[in-house]
Amino acid sequence: MSDKRVPIGSRPVADPGAESWVRQGDGANRAAADAKANLYAARLTIDVTPALRGRIKIAAFRQGMTVADMVRALLKREFPDEESGQ
């Protein structure tokens, strides 16, 4: 086997505007995600079958929700806050 390196070409020139746009992200969504992360600071991890995970994802999609938001609503409904009734 040969130890020679064969160049495959130079890297394409990047569009600086596109690069900065990607690095910037969507500030509004980032702020909302940060606020939600602070509101829901405790994590709950469960194991489910791939089939159940699929059904949950489909149900959330059909309701126009994320899986996390749908499960939070389900947990709030099933385990209401006893003091406020919510």
Protein backbone atom coordinates (compact mmCIF):
# COMPACT_ATOMS: atom_id res chain seq x y z
CA MET A 1 0.00 0.00 0.00
CA SER A 2 1.28 3.48 -0.85
CA ASP A 3 1.84 6.13 1.82
CA LYS A 4 1.17 8.94 -0.67
CA ARG A 5 -1.67 11.32 0.11
CA VAL A 6 -3.83 12.28 -2.77
CA PRO A 7 -5.53 15.69 -2.46
CA ILE A 8 -9.26 15.57 -2.99
CA GLY A 9 -9.66 19.26 -3.71
CA SER A 10 -9.92 22.48 -1.82
CA ARG A 11 -12.72 23.37 0.50
CA PRO A 12 -15.42 25.49 -1.17
CA VAL A 13 -15.50 29.16 -0.28
CA ALA A 14 -18.15 29.75 2.37
CA ASP A 15 -20.70 32.52 2.17
CA PRO A 16 -19.92 34.74 5.21
CA GLY A 17 -23.55 35.85 5.46
CA ALA A 18 -24.79 32.28 5.61
CA GLU A 19 -22.11 31.30 8.13
CA SER A 20 -23.04 34.12 10.51
CA TRP A 21 -26.76 33.37 10.10
CA VAL A 22 -26.23 29.73 11.08
CA ARG A 23 -24.04 30.64 14.05
CA GLN A 24 -26.53 33.28 15.23
CA GLY A 25 -29.52 30.96 15.37
CA ASP A 26 -33.03 32.17 16.00
CA GLY A 27 -32.85 34.45 19.02
CA ALA A 28 -36.58 34.30 19.74
CA ASN A 29 -36.65 30.51 19.81
CA ARG A 30 -33.46 30.39 21.87
CA ALA A 31 -34.94 32.77 24.47
CA ALA A 32 -38.14 30.71 24.66
CA ALA A 33 -36.14 27.50 25.02
CA ASP A 34 -34.00 29.04 27.78
CA ALA A 35 -37.11 30.23 29.63
CA LYS A 36 -38.70 26.79 29.32
CA ALA A 37 -35.48 25.12 30.52
CA ASN A 38 -35.49 27.33 33.61
CA LEU A 39 -39.16 26.61 34.25
CA TYR A 40 -38.72 22.83 33.87
CA ALA A 41 -35.41 22.28 35.63
CA ALA A 42 -36.01 18.69 36.84
CA ARG A 43 -35.57 15.84 34.36
CA LEU A 44 -37.59 12.65 34.22
CA THR A 45 -36.22 9.79 32.16
CA ILE A 46 -38.23 6.67 31.37
CA ASP A 47 -37.66 3.64 29.18
CA VAL A 48 -40.34 2.83 26.62
CA THR A 49 -40.50 0.44 23.72
CA PRO A 50 -39.70 1.79 20.26
CA ALA A 51 -43.33 1.13 19.27
CA LEU A 52 -44.69 3.20 22.17
CA ARG A 53 -42.21 5.97 21.45
CA GLY A 54 -43.45 6.04 17.87
CA ARG A 55 -47.09 6.24 18.93
CA ILE A 56 -46.29 9.09 21.33
CA LYS A 57 -44.43 11.01 18.62
CA ILE A 58 -47.29 10.56 16.14
CA ALA A 59 -49.88 11.68 18.70
CA ALA A 60 -47.83 14.78 19.56
CA PHE A 61 -47.36 15.61 15.88
CA ARG A 62 -51.10 15.29 15.20
CA GLN A 63 -51.81 17.68 18.07
CA GLY A 64 -49.19 20.14 16.84
CA MET A 65 -47.13 19.74 20.00
CA THR A 66 -43.70 18.55 20.97
CA VAL A 67 -43.50 15.23 22.77
CA ALA A 68 -42.16 17.00 25.86
CA ASP A 69 -45.08 19.47 25.96
CA MET A 70 -47.61 16.71 25.42
CA VAL A 71 -46.16 14.53 28.19
CA ARG A 72 -46.00 17.54 30.55
CA ALA A 73 -49.70 18.23 29.90
CA LEU A 74 -50.53 14.56 30.48
CA LEU A 75 -48.59 14.50 33.76
CA LYS A 76 -50.22 17.75 34.94
CA ARG A 77 -53.65 16.31 34.12
CA GLU A 78 -52.99 12.98 35.85
CA PHE A 79 -51.11 14.43 38.83
CA PRO A 80 -52.62 17.86 39.58
CA ASP A 81 -51.11 20.23 42.10
CA GLU A 82 -53.15 19.50 45.22
CA GLU A 83 -52.90 23.07 46.56
CA SER A 84 -54.15 24.93 43.50
CA GLY A 85 -56.14 22.15 41.85
CA GLN A 86 -53.98 22.38 38.72
